[in-house]
PDB file of N, CA and C in Angstrom:
ATOM      1  N   MET A   1     160.171 -98.781 -35.352  1.00  0.00           N
ATOM      2  CA  MET A   1     159.546 -97.859 -34.421  1.00  0.00           C
ATOM      3  C   MET A   1     158.817 -96.799 -35.225  1.00  0.00           C
ATOM      4  N   ILE A   2     157.616 -96.500 -34.814  1.00  0.00           N
ATOM      5  CA  ILE A   2     156.827 -95.444 -35.458  1.00  0.00           C
ATOM      6  C   ILE A   2     156.762 -94.251 -34.522  1.00  0.00           C
ATOM      7  N   PHE A   3     157.208 -93.108 -35.013  1.00  0.00           N
ATOM      8  CA  PHE A   3     157.139 -91.868 -34.256  1.00  0.00           C
ATOM      9  C   PHE A   3     155.856 -91.149 -34.661  1.00  0.00           C
ATOM     10  N   ARG A   4     155.045 -90.818 -33.683  1.00  0.00           N
ATOM     11  CA  ARG A   4     153.816 -90.073 -33.949  1.00  0.00           C
ATOM     12  C   ARG A   4     154.106 -88.577 -33.833  1.00  0.00           C
ATOM     13  N   ILE A   5     153.622 -87.830 -34.811  1.00  0.00           N
ATOM     14  CA  ILE A   5     153.829 -86.380 -34.840  1.00  0.00           C
ATOM     15  C   ILE A   5     152.485 -85.696 -34.649  1.00  0.00           C
ATOM     16  N   GLU A   6     152.437 -84.835 -33.640  1.00  0.00           N
ATOM     17  CA  GLU A   6     151.246 -84.034 -33.406  1.00  0.00           C
ATOM     18  C   GLU A   6     151.519 -82.634 -33.939  1.00  0.00           C
ATOM     19  N   VAL A   7     150.565 -82.078 -34.685  1.00  0.00           N
ATOM     20  CA  VAL A   7     150.755 -80.775 -35.330  1.00  0.00           C
ATOM     21  C   VAL A   7     149.608 -79.848 -34.935  1.00  0.00           C
ATOM     22  N   GLU A   8     149.965 -78.622 -34.578  1.00  0.00           N
ATOM     23  CA  GLU A   8     148.957 -77.615 -34.229  1.00  0.00           C
ATOM     24  C   GLU A   8     149.376 -76.265 -34.791  1.00  0.00           C
ATOM     25  N   GLN A   9     148.390 -75.440 -35.086  1.00  0.00           N
ATOM     26  CA  GLN A   9     148.682 -74.079 -35.517  1.00  0.00           C
ATOM     27  C   GLN A   9     148.554 -73.148 -34.323  1.00  0.00           C
ATOM     28  N   GLU A  10     149.569 -72.326 -34.119  1.00  0.00           N
ATOM     29  CA  GLU A  10     149.595 -71.370 -33.014  1.00  0.00           C
ATOM     30  C   GLU A  10     148.727 -70.157 -33.370  1.00  0.00           C
ATOM     31  N   GLU A  11     148.414 -69.358 -32.372  1.00  0.00           N
ATOM     32  CA  GLU A  11     147.598 -68.164 -32.593  1.00  0.00           C
ATOM     33  C   GLU A  11     148.255 -67.166 -33.536  1.00  0.00           C
ATOM     34  N   ASP A  12     149.590 -67.146 -33.553  1.00  0.00           N
ATOM     35  CA  ASP A  12     150.305 -66.205 -34.421  1.00  0.00           C
ATOM     36  C   ASP A  12     150.452 -66.720 -35.857  1.00  0.00           C
ATOM     37  N   GLY A  13     149.876 -67.889 -36.147  1.00  0.00           N
ATOM     38  CA  GLY A  13     149.897 -68.421 -37.500  1.00  0.00           C
ATOM     39  C   GLY A  13     150.971 -69.462 -37.752  1.00  0.00           C
ATOM     40  N   ARG A  14     151.997 -69.506 -36.887  1.00  0.00           N
ATOM     41  CA  ARG A  14     153.043 -70.522 -37.055  1.00  0.00           C
ATOM     42  C   ARG A  14     152.478 -71.897 -36.731  1.00  0.00           C
ATOM     43  N   TRP A  15     153.156 -72.916 -37.255  1.00  0.00           N
ATOM     44  CA  TRP A  15     152.795 -74.298 -36.962  1.00  0.00           C
ATOM     45  C   TRP A  15     153.853 -74.898 -36.054  1.00  0.00           C
ATOM     46  N   ILE A  16     153.417 -75.755 -35.130  1.00  0.00           N
ATOM     47  CA  ILE A  16     154.338 -76.469 -34.264  1.00  0.00           C
ATOM     48  C   ILE A  16     154.072 -77.955 -34.416  1.00  0.00           C
ATOM     49  N   ALA A  17     155.156 -78.702 -34.540  1.00  0.00           N
ATOM     50  CA  ALA A  17     155.068 -80.161 -34.657  1.00  0.00           C
ATOM     51  C   ALA A  17     155.885 -80.771 -33.524  1.00  0.00           C
ATOM     52  N   GLU A  18     155.356 -81.841 -32.953  1.00  0.00           N
ATOM     53  CA  GLU A  18     156.016 -82.499 -31.828  1.00  0.00           C
ATOM     54  C   GLU A  18     156.032 -84.004 -32.046  1.00  0.00           C
ATOM     55  N   VAL A  19     157.196 -84.619 -31.820  1.00  0.00           N
ATOM     56  CA  VAL A  19     157.302 -86.071 -31.848  1.00  0.00           C
ATOM     57  C   VAL A  19     156.949 -86.556 -30.449  1.00  0.00           C
ATOM     58  N   LEU A  20     155.831 -87.248 -30.325  1.00  0.00           N
ATOM     59  CA  LEU A  20     155.304 -87.607 -29.019  1.00  0.00           C
ATOM     60  C   LEU A  20     156.202 -88.575 -28.262  1.00  0.00           C
ATOM     61  N   GLU A  21     156.945 -89.408 -28.964  1.00  0.00           N
ATOM     62  CA  GLU A  21     157.800 -90.400 -28.315  1.00  0.00           C
ATOM     63  C   GLU A  21     159.161 -89.853 -27.878  1.00  0.00           C
ATOM     64  N   LEU A  22     159.480 -88.628 -28.240  1.00  0.00           N
ATOM     65  CA  LEU A  22     160.769 -88.025 -27.886  1.00  0.00           C
ATOM     66  C   LEU A  22     160.534 -86.736 -27.101  1.00  0.00           C
ATOM     67  N   ALA A  23     160.767 -86.795 -25.814  1.00  0.00           N
ATOM     68  CA  ALA A  23     160.554 -85.618 -24.964  1.00  0.00           C
ATOM     69  C   ALA A  23     161.349 -84.427 -25.482  1.00  0.00           C
ATOM     70  N   GLY A  24     160.671 -83.321 -25.656  1.00  0.00           N
ATOM     71  CA  GLY A  24     161.330 -82.095 -26.082  1.00  0.00           C
ATOM     72  C   GLY A  24     161.558 -81.961 -27.576  1.00  0.00           C
ATOM     73  N   ALA A  25     161.147 -82.942 -28.359  1.00  0.00           N
ATOM     74  CA  ALA A  25     161.344 -82.889 -29.818  1.00  0.00           C
ATOM     75  C   ALA A  25     160.184 -82.110 -30.438  1.00  0.00           C
ATOM     76  N   MET A  26     160.395 -80.793 -30.569  1.00  0.00           N
ATOM     77  CA  MET A  26     159.388 -79.903 -31.126  1.00  0.00           C
ATOM     78  C   MET A  26     160.060 -78.958 -32.102  1.00  0.00           C
ATOM     79  N   ALA A  27     159.309 -78.580 -33.144  1.00  0.00           N
ATOM     80  CA  ALA A  27     159.850 -77.643 -34.116  1.00  0.00           C
ATOM     81  C   ALA A  27     158.724 -76.787 -34.690  1.00  0.00           C
ATOM     82  N   TYR A  28     159.052 -75.535 -34.964  1.00  0.00           N
ATOM     83  CA  TYR A  28     158.116 -74.601 -35.581  1.00  0.00           C
ATOM     84  C   TYR A  28     158.400 -74.485 -37.069  1.00  0.00           C
ATOM     85  N   GLY A  29     157.376 -74.097 -37.814  1.00  0.00           N
ATOM     86  CA  GLY A  29     157.533 -73.796 -39.231  1.00  0.00           C
ATOM     87  C   GLY A  29     156.429 -72.864 -39.674  1.00  0.00           C
ATOM     88  N   PRO A  30     156.662 -72.128 -40.764  1.00  0.00           N
ATOM     89  CA  PRO A  30     155.632 -71.213 -41.263  1.00  0.00           C
ATOM     90  C   PRO A  30     154.448 -71.954 -41.884  1.00  0.00           C
ATOM     91  N   THR A  31     154.666 -73.214 -42.274  1.00  0.00           N
ATOM     92  CA  THR A  31     153.594 -74.039 -42.817  1.00  0.00           C
ATOM     93  C   THR A  31     153.570 -75.368 -42.066  1.00  0.00           C
ATOM     94  N   ARG A  32     152.457 -76.070 -42.175  1.00  0.00           N
ATOM     95  CA  ARG A  32     152.319 -77.380 -41.532  1.00  0.00           C
ATOM     96  C   ARG A  32     153.400 -78.330 -42.033  1.00  0.00           C
ATOM     97  N   ASP A  33     153.573 -78.375 -43.354  1.00  0.00           N
ATOM     98  CA  ASP A  33     154.556 -79.297 -43.937  1.00  0.00           C
ATOM     99  C   ASP A  33     155.981 -78.986 -43.496  1.00  0.00           C
ATOM    100  N   GLU A  34     156.309 -77.705 -43.395  1.00  0.00           N
ATOM    101  CA  GLU A  34     157.661 -77.342 -42.983  1.00  0.00           C
ATOM    102  C   GLU A  34     157.903 -77.684 -41.510  1.00  0.00           C
ATOM    103  N   ALA A  35     156.903 -77.494 -40.669  1.00  0.00           N
ATOM    104  CA  ALA A  35     157.050 -77.870 -39.257  1.00  0.00           C
ATOM    105  C   ALA A  35     157.265 -79.376 -39.137  1.00  0.00           C
ATOM    106  N   ILE A  36     156.528 -80.157 -39.910  1.00  0.00           N
ATOM    107  CA  ILE A  36     156.691 -81.614 -39.889  1.00  0.00           C
ATOM    108  C   ILE A  36     158.080 -82.004 -40.379  1.00  0.00           C
ATOM    109  N   ALA A  37     158.529 -81.404 -41.463  1.00  0.00           N
ATOM    110  CA  ALA A  37     159.860 -81.717 -42.002  1.00  0.00           C
ATOM    111  C   ALA A  37     160.944 -81.396 -40.973  1.00  0.00           C
ATOM    112  N   ARG A  38     160.810 -80.269 -40.301  1.00  0.00           N
ATOM    113  CA  ARG A  38     161.816 -79.867 -39.310  1.00  0.00           C
ATOM    114  C   ARG A  38     161.846 -80.808 -38.117  1.00  0.00           C
ATOM    115  N   VAL A  39     160.670 -81.238 -37.640  1.00  0.00           N
ATOM    116  CA  VAL A  39     160.661 -82.120 -36.479  1.00  0.00           C
ATOM    117  C   VAL A  39     161.133 -83.524 -36.852  1.00  0.00           C
ATOM    118  N   LYS A  40     160.882 -83.947 -38.086  1.00  0.00           N
ATOM    119  CA  LYS A  40     161.425 -85.237 -38.543  1.00  0.00           C
ATOM    120  C   LYS A  40     162.947 -85.189 -38.552  1.00  0.00           C
ATOM    121  N   ALA A  41     163.507 -84.103 -39.073  1.00  0.00           N
ATOM    122  CA  ALA A  41     164.965 -83.955 -39.111  1.00  0.00           C
ATOM    123  C   ALA A  41     165.536 -83.947 -37.696  1.00  0.00           C
ATOM    124  N   LEU A  42     164.866 -83.263 -36.778  1.00  0.00           N
ATOM    125  CA  LEU A  42     165.304 -83.225 -35.391  1.00  0.00           C
ATOM    126  C   LEU A  42     165.287 -84.625 -34.774  1.00  0.00           C
ATOM    127  N   ALA A  43     164.221 -85.377 -35.009  1.00  0.00           N
ATOM    128  CA  ALA A  43     164.115 -86.736 -34.474  1.00  0.00           C
ATOM    129  C   ALA A  43     165.200 -87.635 -35.049  1.00  0.00           C
ATOM    130  N   LEU A  44     165.473 -87.503 -36.330  1.00  0.00           N
ATOM    131  CA  LEU A  44     166.517 -88.319 -36.946  1.00  0.00           C
ATOM    132  C   LEU A  44     167.895 -87.979 -36.395  1.00  0.00           C
ATOM    133  N   ARG A  45     168.154 -86.688 -36.132  1.00  0.00           N
ATOM    134  CA  ARG A  45     169.427 -86.305 -35.519  1.00  0.00           C
ATOM    135  C   ARG A  45     169.551 -86.887 -34.109  1.00  0.00           C
ATOM    136  N   ALA A  46     168.451 -86.868 -33.352  1.00  0.00           N
ATOM    137  CA  ALA A  46     168.469 -87.437 -32.006  1.00  0.00           C
ATOM    138  C   ALA A  46     168.731 -88.941 -32.059  1.00  0.00           C
ATOM    139  N   MET A  47     168.120 -89.629 -33.006  1.00  0.00           N
ATOM    140  CA  MET A  47     168.332 -91.078 -33.139  1.00  0.00           C
ATOM    141  C   MET A  47     169.762 -91.381 -33.600  1.00  0.00           C
ATOM    142  N   ALA A  48     170.291 -90.559 -34.486  1.00  0.00           N
ATOM    143  CA  ALA A  48     171.673 -90.750 -34.932  1.00  0.00           C
ATOM    144  C   ALA A  48     172.638 -90.594 -33.763  1.00  0.00           C
ATOM    145  N   GLU A  49     172.369 -89.618 -32.910  1.00  0.00           N
ATOM    146  CA  GLU A  49     173.206 -89.412 -31.727  1.00  0.00           C
ATOM    147  C   GLU A  49     173.157 -90.639 -30.812  1.00  0.00           C
ATOM    148  N   ARG A  50     171.972 -91.176 -30.616  1.00  0.00           N
ATOM    149  CA  ARG A  50     171.834 -92.374 -29.778  1.00  0.00           C
ATOM    150  C   ARG A  50     172.587 -93.564 -30.388  1.00  0.00           C
ATOM    151  N   LEU A  51     172.499 -93.714 -31.703  1.00  0.00           N
ATOM    152  CA  LEU A  51     173.219 -94.796 -32.373  1.00  0.00           C
ATOM    153  C   LEU A  51     174.724 -94.632 -32.209  1.00  0.00           C
ATOM    154  N   GLU A  52     175.228 -93.408 -32.398  1.00  0.00           N
ATOM    155  CA  GLU A  52     176.662 -93.152 -32.260  1.00  0.00           C
ATOM    156  C   GLU A  52     177.154 -93.415 -30.843  1.00  0.00           C
ATOM    157  N   GLN A  53     176.303 -93.158 -29.858  1.00  0.00           N
ATOM    158  CA  GLN A  53     176.690 -93.345 -28.464  1.00  0.00           C
ATOM    159  C   GLN A  53     176.424 -94.769 -27.959  1.00  0.00           C
ATOM    160  N   GLY A  54     175.905 -95.625 -28.830  1.00  0.00           N
ATOM    161  CA  GLY A  54     175.614 -97.000 -28.448  1.00  0.00           C
ATOM    162  C   GLY A  54     174.412 -97.129 -27.524  1.00  0.00           C
ATOM    163  N   GLU A  55     173.516 -96.142 -27.551  1.00  0.00           N
ATOM    164  CA  GLU A  55     172.362 -96.128 -26.664  1.00  0.00           C
ATOM    165  C   GLU A  55     171.085 -96.627 -27.331  1.00  0.00           C
ATOM    166  N   ALA A  56     171.152 -96.980 -28.589  1.00  0.00           N
ATOM    167  CA  ALA A  56     169.955 -97.386 -29.327  1.00  0.00           C
ATOM    168  C   ALA A  56     169.670 -98.864 -29.123  1.00  0.00           C
ATOM    169  N   GLY A  57     168.389 -99.177 -29.018  1.00  0.00           N
ATOM    170  CA  GLY A  57     167.968-100.566 -28.892  1.00  0.00           C
ATOM    171  C   GLY A  57     167.550-101.129 -30.244  1.00  0.00           C
ATOM    172  N   PRO A  58     167.092-102.357 -30.260  1.00  0.00           N
ATOM    173  CA  PRO A  58     166.697-102.992 -31.517  1.00  0.00           C
ATOM    174  C   PRO A  58     165.471-102.359 -32.163  1.00  0.00           C
ATOM    175  N   ASP A  59     164.720-101.548 -31.428  1.00  0.00           N
ATOM    176  CA  ASP A  59     163.538-100.913 -31.988  1.00  0.00           C
ATOM    177  C   ASP A  59     163.879 -99.853 -33.037  1.00  0.00           C
ATOM    178  N   LEU A  60     165.141 -99.497 -33.163  1.00  0.00           N
ATOM    179  CA  LEU A  60     165.539 -98.500 -34.157  1.00  0.00           C
ATOM    180  C   LEU A  60     165.952 -99.122 -35.492  1.00  0.00           C
ATOM    181  N   ALA A  61     165.737-100.405 -35.649  1.00  0.00           N
ATOM    182  CA  ALA A  61     166.084-101.051 -36.911  1.00  0.00           C
ATOM    183  C   ALA A  61     165.206-100.541 -38.055  1.00  0.00           C
ATOM    184  N   ASP A  62     164.013-100.072 -37.721  1.00  0.00           N
ATOM    185  CA  ASP A  62     163.072 -99.571 -38.729  1.00  0.00           C
ATOM    186  C   ASP A  62     162.361 -98.362 -38.129  1.00  0.00           C
ATOM    187  N   ILE A  63     162.492 -97.203 -38.777  1.00  0.00           N
ATOM    188  CA  ILE A  63     161.902 -95.970 -38.256  1.00  0.00           C
ATOM    189  C   ILE A  63     160.910 -95.446 -39.269  1.00  0.00           C
ATOM    190  N   ALA A  64     159.727 -95.046 -38.779  1.00  0.00           N
ATOM    191  CA  ALA A  64     158.701 -94.436 -39.630  1.00  0.00           C
ATOM    192  C   ALA A  64     158.056 -93.291 -38.870  1.00  0.00           C
ATOM    193  N   PHE A  65     157.437 -92.367 -39.605  1.00  0.00           N
ATOM    194  CA  PHE A  65     156.737 -91.242 -39.012  1.00  0.00           C
ATOM    195  C   PHE A  65     155.288 -91.277 -39.416  1.00  0.00           C
ATOM    196  N   ARG A  66     154.413 -90.860 -38.503  1.00  0.00           N
ATOM    197  CA  ARG A  66     152.978 -90.760 -38.790  1.00  0.00           C
ATOM    198  C   ARG A  66     152.479 -89.447 -38.225  1.00  0.00           C
ATOM    199  N   ALA A  67     152.072 -88.544 -39.105  1.00  0.00           N
ATOM    200  CA  ALA A  67     151.548 -87.244 -38.653  1.00  0.00           C
ATOM    201  C   ALA A  67     150.076 -87.373 -38.319  1.00  0.00           C
ATOM    202  N   ALA A  68     149.721 -86.769 -37.204  1.00  0.00           N
ATOM    203  CA  ALA A  68     148.325 -86.816 -36.766  1.00  0.00           C
ATOM    204  C   ALA A  68     147.582 -85.592 -37.237  1.00  0.00           C
TER     205      ALA A  68
END
């Protein structure tokens, strides 16, 4: 599964990154790279939770990220 990350800079200078395939998976950072790193970590924690709860499908056998 490939998670697409959308990144934008806010008016106050912070960066926000969002994983488009995971509702509510958004993270801020002072730099573009830090926002991306934070949202990747958030997505991985969400996927780990799904795996632990037995809610993950076969599409989680391979996970990749692509920043837009």
